[in-house]
Amino acid sequence: MRTPKVSVCIYHARLCTLAVLLLSLPASASSWKALPPLPVPVGYAGVETINGVIYVAGGTVAGVPSSTLQAFNPETKTWTAMANLPLTTYQPDGAGVINGQLYVAGGWNGSLPTSNLLMYDPPSNTWTYLAGMPQLSACGATGVINSMLYVTTPCNGFSGYYNFLDVYDPATNAWTSLPSSASAHAYPAFGVINGKFYVGGGQDGSGAFTNVFEVYDPATGAWTSLPPLPTAVASPASVALNGRLCVVGGYNGTADLTTVQVYDPFRNRWEVLSPLPTALSGASGVVVYGLAFVEGDDHTDGTNQYIAVTPSIP
């Protein structure tokens, strides 16, 4: 069996660099390449990519909610400040792209989450409010399947965490409530693979850190339990890459982690790859040109990180 490999790119604000680290299992060598950092070092943002450009929406700067929209072009390695969101938001339910437009659902705006659904149109550089979600929502996951926006709601402003799932149809500008998952997943790992919405880890309804892993299939309208994550984490970086879900770092209630966990739907099993050189949590991920970029915030000391992960698993 050949050696799985992972390439990781990390920005750490204290070092003011964006670097590429090459890892393998077992670890063999490391090399770093400096790239531009975020102009505004936000964490807990909504992150997605459109036409090869990475958009980082909202987030927090030193604990203060932000309304910034920052765009990074990997080809030119440059950042551009785009039109601000119409409000500050952080810990949204991820972000999604439909027909070349960026959707950001929910998120905290002060002491409560919002039910807002915002759409950003890159050609006009403008934001639009769309139909609000059925409830206040934050700390969840977003997946796009067949031009529909699937959003989970763990945080709704009340105590505890929840397991709501709703879907938004841009054609009708309307939401529909769907069956809830068996477990709540606050600050989860998530991604869409082959038309199915994978959600796992995070914190359950009581706030305990969980390794429960589930998948929602729109074709059947049902959730299915899958093998649990090897390590229970909340606020990891997660990306669907090469038909696998990559879960990077996270927080376990005590410390940030360096774990790299990869789920293979075809084999229905997890694999643990070489660890990150730096622990992290509070992250979001996208894939551009086969490289998965993850923007995140260090949970323990408040410094910001920018990460790119490229697993290549033969």
Protein backbone atom coordinates (compact mmCIF):
# COMPACT_ATOMS: atom_id res chain seq x y z
CA MET A 1 0.00 0.00 0.00
CA ARG A 2 1.38 3.40 -0.97
CA THR A 3 1.92 6.16 1.56
CA PRO A 4 -0.93 8.68 1.90
CA LYS A 5 0.32 12.26 1.63
CA VAL A 6 -1.03 15.60 2.74
CA SER A 7 0.13 19.10 1.90
CA VAL A 8 -0.75 21.77 4.43
CA CYS A 9 -0.46 25.55 4.12
CA ILE A 10 -0.64 27.57 7.36
CA TYR A 11 -0.77 31.28 8.12
CA HIS A 12 -0.09 32.34 11.70
CA ALA A 13 -0.57 36.00 12.61
CA ARG A 14 2.32 36.02 15.08
CA LEU A 15 4.68 35.02 12.27
CA CYS A 16 2.98 37.18 9.61
CA THR A 17 3.51 34.51 6.97
CA LEU A 18 1.42 32.13 4.90
CA ALA A 19 3.38 28.96 4.41
CA VAL A 20 3.14 25.58 2.72
CA LEU A 21 4.10 22.49 4.68
CA LEU A 22 4.47 19.12 2.98
CA LEU A 23 3.66 16.13 5.17
CA SER A 24 3.47 12.40 4.62
CA LEU A 25 2.57 9.34 6.61
CA PRO A 26 5.03 8.67 8.11
CA ALA A 27 6.30 12.26 8.12
CA SER A 28 9.38 12.60 5.98
CA ALA A 29 10.16 16.23 5.19
CA SER A 30 8.83 19.76 5.51
CA SER A 31 9.18 22.82 3.33
CA TRP A 32 7.58 26.26 3.68
CA LYS A 33 6.57 28.90 1.15
CA ALA A 34 5.47 32.37 2.29
CA LEU A 35 2.17 33.73 0.90
CA PRO A 36 0.21 36.93 1.72
CA PRO A 37 -1.80 36.93 4.97
CA LEU A 38 -5.38 38.15 5.36
CA PRO A 39 -5.48 41.98 5.50
CA VAL A 40 -8.12 41.69 8.25
CA PRO A 41 -7.27 38.54 10.27
CA VAL A 42 -10.79 37.27 10.96
CA GLY A 43 -11.79 33.93 12.42
CA TYR A 44 -15.13 32.05 12.50
CA ALA A 45 -16.12 33.44 9.08
CA GLY A 46 -18.16 32.12 6.18
CA VAL A 47 -15.74 30.94 3.48
CA GLU A 48 -16.40 29.80 -0.10
CA THR A 49 -14.93 30.03 -3.58
CA ILE A 50 -16.35 31.40 -6.85
CA ASN A 51 -14.50 31.10 -10.15
CA GLY A 52 -11.23 30.35 -8.41
CA VAL A 53 -11.46 33.28 -5.97
CA ILE A 54 -11.78 32.66 -2.22
CA TYR A 55 -14.28 34.82 -0.33
CA VAL A 56 -14.04 35.27 3.46
CA ALA A 57 -17.25 36.82 4.82
CA GLY A 58 -17.62 38.30 8.29
CA GLY A 59 -16.02 36.62 11.29
CA THR A 60 -14.42 38.07 14.38
CA VAL A 61 -11.34 40.25 14.82
CA ALA A 62 -9.95 39.90 18.34
CA GLY A 63 -13.43 38.87 19.49
CA VAL A 64 -15.20 41.77 17.74
CA PRO A 65 -17.75 40.84 15.02
CA SER A 66 -16.81 41.94 11.50
CA SER A 67 -18.73 42.88 8.36
CA THR A 68 -15.74 42.57 6.02
CA LEU A 69 -15.70 40.60 2.79
CA GLN A 70 -12.18 39.71 1.70
CA ALA A 71 -11.33 38.05 -1.62
CA PHE A 72 -8.12 36.12 -2.30
CA ASN A 73 -6.91 35.25 -5.78
CA PRO A 74 -4.59 32.21 -5.56
CA GLU A 75 -3.18 32.87 -9.04
CA THR A 76 -2.01 36.42 -8.31
CA LYS A 77 -1.65 35.81 -4.54
CA THR A 78 -3.46 39.06 -3.82
CA TRP A 79 -6.24 40.08 -1.44
CA THR A 80 -9.00 42.56 -2.35
CA ALA A 81 -11.50 44.24 -0.02
CA MET A 82 -15.00 43.79 -1.43
CA ALA A 83 -18.34 45.33 -0.40
CA ASN A 84 -18.97 44.89 3.32
CA LEU A 85 -21.85 42.75 4.50
CA PRO A 86 -24.90 44.84 5.51
CA LEU A 87 -24.35 43.72 9.12
CA THR A 88 -21.68 42.15 11.29
CA THR A 89 -21.84 38.38 11.59
CA TYR A 90 -19.72 35.55 12.91
CA GLN A 91 -20.12 31.79 13.30
CA PRO A 92 -22.60 31.62 10.42
CA ASP A 93 -23.79 28.22 9.24
CA GLY A 94 -20.94 28.02 6.77
CA ALA A 95 -21.49 29.40 3.27
CA GLY A 96 -22.60 28.09 -0.11
CA VAL A 97 -22.40 29.00 -3.79
CA ILE A 98 -25.30 28.67 -6.24
CA ASN A 99 -25.14 29.97 -9.81
CA GLY A 100 -22.02 31.99 -9.08
CA GLN A 101 -23.48 33.79 -6.07
CA LEU A 102 -22.38 33.52 -2.44
CA TYR A 103 -24.97 32.61 0.23
CA VAL A 104 -24.33 33.18 3.94
CA ALA A 105 -27.00 31.90 6.32
CA GLY A 106 -27.46 32.87 9.97
CA GLY A 107 -24.64 33.81 12.29
CA TRP A 108 -24.38 35.77 15.51
CA ASN A 109 -24.97 39.53 15.49
CA GLY A 110 -24.61 40.52 19.11
CA SER A 111 -26.22 38.44 21.85
CA LEU A 112 -28.44 36.39 19.53
CA PRO A 113 -28.12 34.58 16.21
CA THR A 114 -30.00 35.97 13.23
CA SER A 115 -32.32 34.28 10.76
CA ASN A 116 -30.84 36.27 7.87
CA LEU A 117 -29.96 34.79 4.52
CA LEU A 118 -27.58 37.07 2.62
CA MET A 119 -26.57 36.71 -1.02
CA TYR A 120 -23.47 38.31 -2.53
CA ASP A 121 -23.25 38.89 -6.28
CA PRO A 122 -19.60 39.23 -7.43
CA PRO A 123 -20.24 41.03 -10.78
CA SER A 124 -22.18 43.85 -9.09
CA ASN A 125 -20.27 43.62 -5.77
CA THR A 126 -23.55 43.90 -3.86
CA TRP A 127 -25.36 42.09 -1.03
CA THR A 128 -29.07 41.23 -0.96
CA TYR A 129 -31.33 40.05 1.87
CA LEU A 130 -33.33 36.96 0.90
CA ALA A 131 -36.11 35.08 2.71
CA GLY A 132 -35.17 34.57 6.35
CA MET A 133 -34.62 31.14 7.87
CA PRO A 134 -37.43 29.43 9.84
CA GLN A 135 -35.53 30.14 13.10
CA LEU A 136 -32.58 32.05 14.50
CA SER A 137 -29.53 30.11 13.42
CA ALA A 138 -25.77 29.91 13.91
CA CYS A 139 -22.88 27.45 14.54
CA GLY A 140 -24.11 25.02 11.91
CA ALA A 141 -23.29 23.64 8.46
CA THR A 142 -24.18 24.47 4.87
CA GLY A 143 -24.22 22.24 1.81
CA VAL A 144 -25.31 22.87 -1.77
CA ILE A 145 -26.94 19.99 -3.66
CA ASN A 146 -28.72 20.42 -7.01
CA SER A 147 -28.74 24.22 -6.59
CA MET A 148 -30.50 23.93 -3.22
CA LEU A 149 -29.03 25.31 0.01
CA TYR A 150 -29.13 22.85 2.95
CA VAL A 151 -28.48 24.42 6.37
CA THR A 152 -28.33 22.93 9.87
CA THR A 153 -29.15 24.93 13.00
CA PRO A 154 -27.48 23.98 16.29
CA CYS A 155 -27.53 27.47 17.89
CA ASN A 156 -30.88 29.27 17.97
CA GLY A 157 -30.40 31.57 20.95
CA PHE A 158 -31.80 29.15 23.52
CA SER A 159 -29.78 27.00 25.90
CA GLY A 160 -28.39 23.74 24.55
CA TYR A 161 -27.80 22.77 20.92
CA TYR A 162 -30.31 21.58 18.34
CA ASN A 163 -30.45 19.48 15.18
CA PHE A 164 -32.73 21.35 12.76
CA LEU A 165 -32.27 20.99 9.00
CA ASP A 166 -33.83 23.35 6.47
CA VAL A 167 -33.44 23.75 2.71
CA TYR A 168 -33.65 26.96 0.67
CA ASP A 169 -34.81 27.05 -2.94
CA PRO A 170 -33.50 30.10 -4.83
CA ALA A 171 -36.14 29.60 -7.53
CA THR A 172 -38.96 30.28 -5.06
CA ASN A 173 -37.04 32.25 -2.41
CA ALA A 174 -38.53 29.93 0.21
CA TRP A 175 -37.38 27.60 2.99
CA THR A 176 -38.64 24.09 3.78
CA SER A 177 -38.01 22.23 7.03
CA LEU A 178 -36.58 18.71 6.69
CA PRO A 179 -36.05 15.78 9.09
CA SER A 180 -33.63 16.47 11.93
CA SER A 181 -30.44 14.49 12.38
CA ALA A 182 -30.25 12.03 15.27
CA SER A 183 -27.70 14.17 17.10
CA ALA A 184 -27.02 17.89 17.33
CA HIS A 185 -23.74 19.06 15.79
CA ALA A 186 -22.66 22.52 16.93
CA TYR A 187 -19.46 23.75 15.24
CA PRO A 188 -19.26 20.56 13.15
CA ALA A 189 -17.22 19.11 10.33
CA PHE A 190 -19.26 19.01 7.12
CA GLY A 191 -19.17 18.67 3.36
CA VAL A 192 -21.09 17.50 0.30
CA ILE A 193 -19.87 14.38 -1.53
CA ASN A 194 -21.74 12.73 -4.41
CA GLY A 195 -24.97 14.56 -3.69
CA LYS A 196 -25.06 13.74 0.04
CA PHE A 197 -24.62 16.11 2.99
CA TYR A 198 -22.14 14.84 5.60
CA VAL A 199 -22.18 16.37 9.09
CA GLY A 200 -20.23 15.12 12.11
CA GLY A 201 -18.47 15.90 15.33
CA GLY A 202 -18.96 19.20 17.11
CA GLN A 203 -20.98 19.41 20.32
CA ASP A 204 -24.19 17.48 20.93
CA GLY A 205 -27.42 18.68 22.53
CA SER A 206 -25.92 18.70 26.03
CA GLY A 207 -22.75 20.46 24.90
CA ALA A 208 -20.55 17.35 25.09
CA PHE A 209 -17.90 16.96 22.42
CA THR A 210 -19.04 14.21 20.08
CA ASN A 211 -17.63 11.99 17.35
CA VAL A 212 -21.07 11.09 15.97
CA PHE A 213 -21.05 11.20 12.16
CA GLU A 214 -24.17 11.32 9.97
CA VAL A 215 -25.17 11.83 6.34
CA TYR A 216 -28.35 13.26 4.83
CA ASP A 217 -29.49 12.00 1.43
CA PRO A 218 -31.96 14.32 -0.33
CA ALA A 219 -32.99 11.44 -2.58
CA THR A 220 -34.45 9.52 0.36
CA GLY A 221 -35.04 12.42 2.75
CA ALA A 222 -33.34 10.47 5.53
CA TRP A 223 -30.29 10.65 7.78
CA THR A 224 -27.96 7.67 8.20
CA SER A 225 -25.44 7.04 10.97
CA LEU A 226 -21.86 6.37 9.82
CA PRO A 227 -18.66 5.23 11.55
CA PRO A 228 -17.70 7.83 14.18
CA LEU A 229 -14.76 10.18 13.85
CA PRO A 230 -11.60 8.68 15.40
CA THR A 231 -11.28 11.85 17.50
CA ALA A 232 -14.18 13.99 18.71
CA VAL A 233 -13.64 17.61 17.68
CA ALA A 234 -15.55 20.87 17.41
CA SER A 235 -14.68 23.83 15.16
CA PRO A 236 -12.36 21.92 12.81
CA ALA A 237 -11.49 22.86 9.27
CA SER A 238 -13.41 20.56 6.95
CA VAL A 239 -13.41 20.20 3.20
CA ALA A 240 -14.68 17.69 0.67
CA LEU A 241 -11.69 16.91 -1.53
CA ASN A 242 -11.12 14.09 -4.04
CA GLY A 243 -14.31 12.37 -2.93
CA ARG A 244 -13.30 12.34 0.74
CA LEU A 245 -14.14 14.48 3.76
CA CYS A 246 -11.02 15.96 5.36
CA VAL A 247 -11.38 17.09 8.99
CA VAL A 248 -8.40 19.18 10.11
CA GLY A 249 -7.62 20.27 13.66
CA GLY A 250 -10.43 21.32 15.98
CA TYR A 251 -11.02 21.74 19.70
CA ASN A 252 -11.81 18.98 22.20
CA GLY A 253 -12.87 21.08 25.19
CA THR A 254 -9.37 21.22 26.61
CA ALA A 255 -7.01 22.15 23.80
CA ASP A 256 -6.72 22.77 20.09
CA LEU A 257 -5.72 19.68 18.14
CA THR A 258 -3.34 18.83 15.31
CA THR A 259 -5.34 15.85 14.06
CA VAL A 260 -6.01 15.24 10.36
CA GLN A 261 -8.91 12.80 9.90
CA VAL A 262 -10.13 11.70 6.47
CA TYR A 263 -13.38 9.84 5.73
CA ASP A 264 -13.72 7.72 2.59
CA PRO A 265 -17.40 7.15 1.68
CA PHE A 266 -16.53 4.36 -0.76
CA ARG A 267 -14.78 2.31 1.94
CA ASN A 268 -16.98 3.74 4.72
CA ARG A 269 -14.02 4.22 6.99
CA TRP A 270 -11.77 6.87 8.54
CA GLU A 271 -8.02 7.25 8.22
CA VAL A 272 -5.77 9.38 10.43
CA LEU A 273 -2.99 11.18 8.56
CA SER A 274 0.14 12.94 9.79
CA PRO A 275 -0.71 15.71 12.29
CA LEU A 276 -0.52 19.41 11.67
CA PRO A 277 2.60 21.18 12.95
CA THR A 278 0.40 23.75 14.68
CA ALA A 279 -2.85 23.09 16.56
CA LEU A 280 -5.89 25.07 15.40
CA SER A 281 -9.64 25.44 15.64
CA GLY A 282 -12.44 27.70 14.46
CA ALA A 283 -11.95 27.10 10.77
CA SER A 284 -13.75 26.95 7.43
CA GLY A 285 -12.57 25.41 4.17
CA VAL A 286 -12.93 25.54 0.41
CA VAL A 287 -11.24 23.84 -2.55
CA VAL A 288 -9.58 25.77 -5.37
CA TYR A 289 -7.54 24.13 -8.14
CA GLY A 290 -7.33 20.94 -6.08
CA LEU A 291 -6.00 22.81 -3.03
CA ALA A 292 -8.25 23.16 0.01
CA PHE A 293 -7.84 26.56 1.69
CA VAL A 294 -9.07 26.89 5.26
CA GLU A 295 -9.42 30.18 7.10
CA GLY A 296 -9.45 29.79 10.88
CA ASP A 297 -8.89 31.29 14.30
CA ASP A 298 -6.66 29.85 17.04
CA HIS A 299 -8.99 28.86 19.89
CA THR A 300 -6.57 29.17 22.79
CA ASP A 301 -4.72 32.44 22.27
CA GLY A 302 -6.88 34.36 19.81
CA THR A 303 -4.28 34.56 17.04
CA ASN A 304 -5.47 33.98 13.52
CA GLN A 305 -4.36 31.36 11.06
CA TYR A 306 -4.84 30.76 7.37
CA ILE A 307 -4.50 27.19 6.22
CA ALA A 308 -4.57 25.25 2.96
CA VAL A 309 -4.74 21.46 2.93
CA THR A 310 -4.15 19.14 -0.02
CA PRO A 311 -4.49 15.45 0.85
CA SER A 312 -3.57 13.06 -1.98
CA ILE A 313 -4.57 9.57 -0.94
CA PRO A 314 -3.66 6.89 -3.53
